[in-house]
C-alpha atoms as a PDB file:
ATOM      1  CA  UNK A   1       8.401  -6.557  -4.503  1.00  0.00           C
ATOM      2  CA  UNK A   2       5.397  -8.877  -6.211  1.00  0.00           C
ATOM      3  CA  UNK A   3       5.997 -11.433  -9.070  1.00  0.00           C
ATOM      4  CA  UNK A   4       5.209 -10.519 -12.630  1.00  0.00           C
ATOM      5  CA  UNK A   5       3.332 -13.178 -14.032  1.00  0.00           C
ATOM      6  CA  UNK A   6       6.369 -13.794 -16.676  1.00  0.00           C
ATOM      7  CA  UNK A   7       7.806 -15.022 -13.748  1.00  0.00           C
ATOM      8  CA  UNK A   8       5.629 -17.433 -12.237  1.00  0.00           C
ATOM      9  CA  UNK A   9       5.601 -19.572 -15.728  1.00  0.00           C
ATOM     10  CA  UNK A  10       9.098 -19.662 -15.982  1.00  0.00           C
ATOM     11  CA  UNK A  11       9.535 -20.965 -12.478  1.00  0.00           C
ATOM     12  CA  UNK A  12       7.227 -23.430 -13.122  1.00  0.00           C
ATOM     13  CA  UNK A  13       8.643 -24.295 -16.826  1.00  0.00           C
ATOM     14  CA  UNK A  14      11.695 -24.718 -15.241  1.00  0.00           C
ATOM     15  CA  UNK A  15      10.400 -27.008 -13.715  1.00  0.00           C
ATOM     16  CA  UNK A  16       7.976 -28.804 -16.173  1.00  0.00           C
ATOM     17  CA  UNK A  17       9.240 -28.399 -18.758  1.00  0.00           C
ATOM     18  CA  UNK A  18       6.299 -30.207 -21.054  1.00  0.00           C
ATOM     19  CA  UNK A  19       4.072 -27.631 -19.344  1.00  0.00           C
ATOM     20  CA  UNK A  20       1.442 -25.772 -20.854  1.00  0.00           C
ATOM     21  CA  UNK A  21       1.422 -22.393 -18.636  1.00  0.00           C
ATOM     22  CA  UNK A  22      -1.855 -19.768 -18.326  1.00  0.00           C
ATOM     23  CA  UNK A  23      -1.448 -16.669 -15.234  1.00  0.00           C
ATOM     24  CA  UNK A  24      -3.947 -14.208 -15.072  1.00  0.00           C
ATOM     25  CA  UNK A  25      -4.091 -11.507 -12.138  1.00  0.00           C
ATOM     26  CA  UNK A  26      -7.305 -12.267  -9.982  1.00  0.00           C
ATOM     27  CA  UNK A  27      -7.098  -8.153  -8.970  1.00  0.00           C
ATOM     28  CA  UNK A  28      -5.134  -6.419 -10.754  1.00  0.00           C
ATOM     29  CA  UNK A  29      -2.124  -5.932  -8.076  1.00  0.00           C
ATOM     30  CA  UNK A  30       0.488  -8.068  -9.001  1.00  0.00           C
ATOM     31  CA  UNK A  31      -0.552 -10.010  -5.449  1.00  0.00           C
ATOM     32  CA  UNK A  32      -3.562 -12.537  -6.688  1.00  0.00           C
ATOM     33  CA  UNK A  33      -2.498 -15.162  -9.287  1.00  0.00           C
ATOM     34  CA  UNK A  34      -4.428 -18.054 -11.323  1.00  0.00           C
ATOM     35  CA  UNK A  35      -2.132 -20.237 -12.580  1.00  0.00           C
ATOM     36  CA  UNK A  36      -3.239 -23.120 -15.070  1.00  0.00           C
ATOM     37  CA  UNK A  37      -0.637 -25.594 -15.578  1.00  0.00           C
ATOM     38  CA  UNK A  38      -1.587 -28.591 -17.769  1.00  0.00           C
ATOM     39  CA  UNK A  39       1.652 -31.691 -17.666  1.00  0.00           C
ATOM     40  CA  UNK A  40       2.303 -34.774 -19.083  1.00  0.00           C
ATOM     41  CA  UNK A  41       4.083 -34.907 -15.733  1.00  0.00           C
ATOM     42  CA  UNK A  42       1.400 -35.462 -13.618  1.00  0.00           C
ATOM     43  CA  UNK A  43      -0.830 -38.019 -15.360  1.00  0.00           C
ATOM     44  CA  UNK A  44      -1.301 -41.258 -12.524  1.00  0.00           C
ATOM     45  CA  UNK A  45      -1.554 -38.782 -10.068  1.00  0.00           C
ATOM     46  CA  UNK A  46      -2.935 -37.264  -7.239  1.00  0.00           C
ATOM     47  CA  UNK A  47      -4.410 -33.421  -7.331  1.00  0.00           C
ATOM     48  CA  UNK A  48      -2.497 -32.398  -4.031  1.00  0.00           C
ATOM     49  CA  UNK A  49       0.814 -34.574  -5.018  1.00  0.00           C
ATOM     50  CA  UNK A  50       0.514 -31.826  -8.214  1.00  0.00           C
ATOM     51  CA  UNK A  51      -0.014 -28.831  -6.670  1.00  0.00           C
ATOM     52  CA  UNK A  52       3.108 -29.606  -5.168  1.00  0.00           C
ATOM     53  CA  UNK A  53       5.026 -30.452  -7.884  1.00  0.00           C
ATOM     54  CA  UNK A  54       4.015 -26.540  -8.805  1.00  0.00           C
ATOM     55  CA  UNK A  55       4.727 -24.650  -5.311  1.00  0.00           C
ATOM     56  CA  UNK A  56       7.918 -26.812  -5.238  1.00  0.00           C
ATOM     57  CA  UNK A  57       8.655 -24.868  -9.109  1.00  0.00           C
ATOM     58  CA  UNK A  58       7.982 -21.927  -7.185  1.00  0.00           C
ATOM     59  CA  UNK A  59      11.052 -22.078  -5.057  1.00  0.00           C
ATOM     60  CA  UNK A  60       9.596 -20.905  -2.005  1.00  0.00           C
ATOM     61  CA  UNK A  61       8.002 -17.716  -3.380  1.00  0.00           C
ATOM     62  CA  UNK A  62       4.456 -18.940  -2.587  1.00  0.00           C
ATOM     63  CA  UNK A  63       4.119 -16.687   1.514  1.00  0.00           C
ATOM     64  CA  UNK A  64       6.367 -13.824   0.352  1.00  0.00           C
ATOM     65  CA  UNK A  65       6.863 -12.334  -3.024  1.00  0.00           C
ATOM     66  CA  UNK A  66       4.413 -15.048  -4.587  1.00  0.00           C
ATOM     67  CA  UNK A  67       0.826 -13.772  -1.811  1.00  0.00           C
ATOM     68  CA  UNK A  68      -2.026 -15.848  -3.102  1.00  0.00           C
ATOM     69  CA  UNK A  69      -1.917 -18.425  -6.584  1.00  0.00           C
ATOM     70  CA  UNK A  70      -5.376 -19.974  -7.326  1.00  0.00           C
ATOM     71  CA  UNK A  71      -3.709 -22.936  -9.279  1.00  0.00           C
ATOM     72  CA  UNK A  72      -6.076 -25.505 -11.375  1.00  0.00           C
ATOM     73  CA  UNK A  73      -3.228 -28.406 -12.224  1.00  0.00           C
ATOM     74  CA  UNK A  74      -4.237 -31.032 -14.856  1.00  0.00           C
ATOM     75  CA  UNK A  75      -2.676 -33.689 -17.245  1.00  0.00           C
ATOM     76  CA  UNK A  76      -3.335 -33.284 -20.770  1.00  0.00           C
ATOM     77  CA  UNK A  77      -5.811 -35.615 -22.523  1.00  0.00           C
END
């Protein structure tokens, strides 16, 4: 069963409580998502590490319930 946008957002916010999260369904099928995540936790760390933090927040659902996620991360400006 595909994941819902609210579930993706809740998982990310559970790991990054200050995060501003925007989720978009790219294909209208509930399987292909884009997420923009802005969090102070990303300040001073590489983009790769930022993405790893978000993927860890998804608790192993990437590649299963969550088929595809285009991810943009940044620290607040």
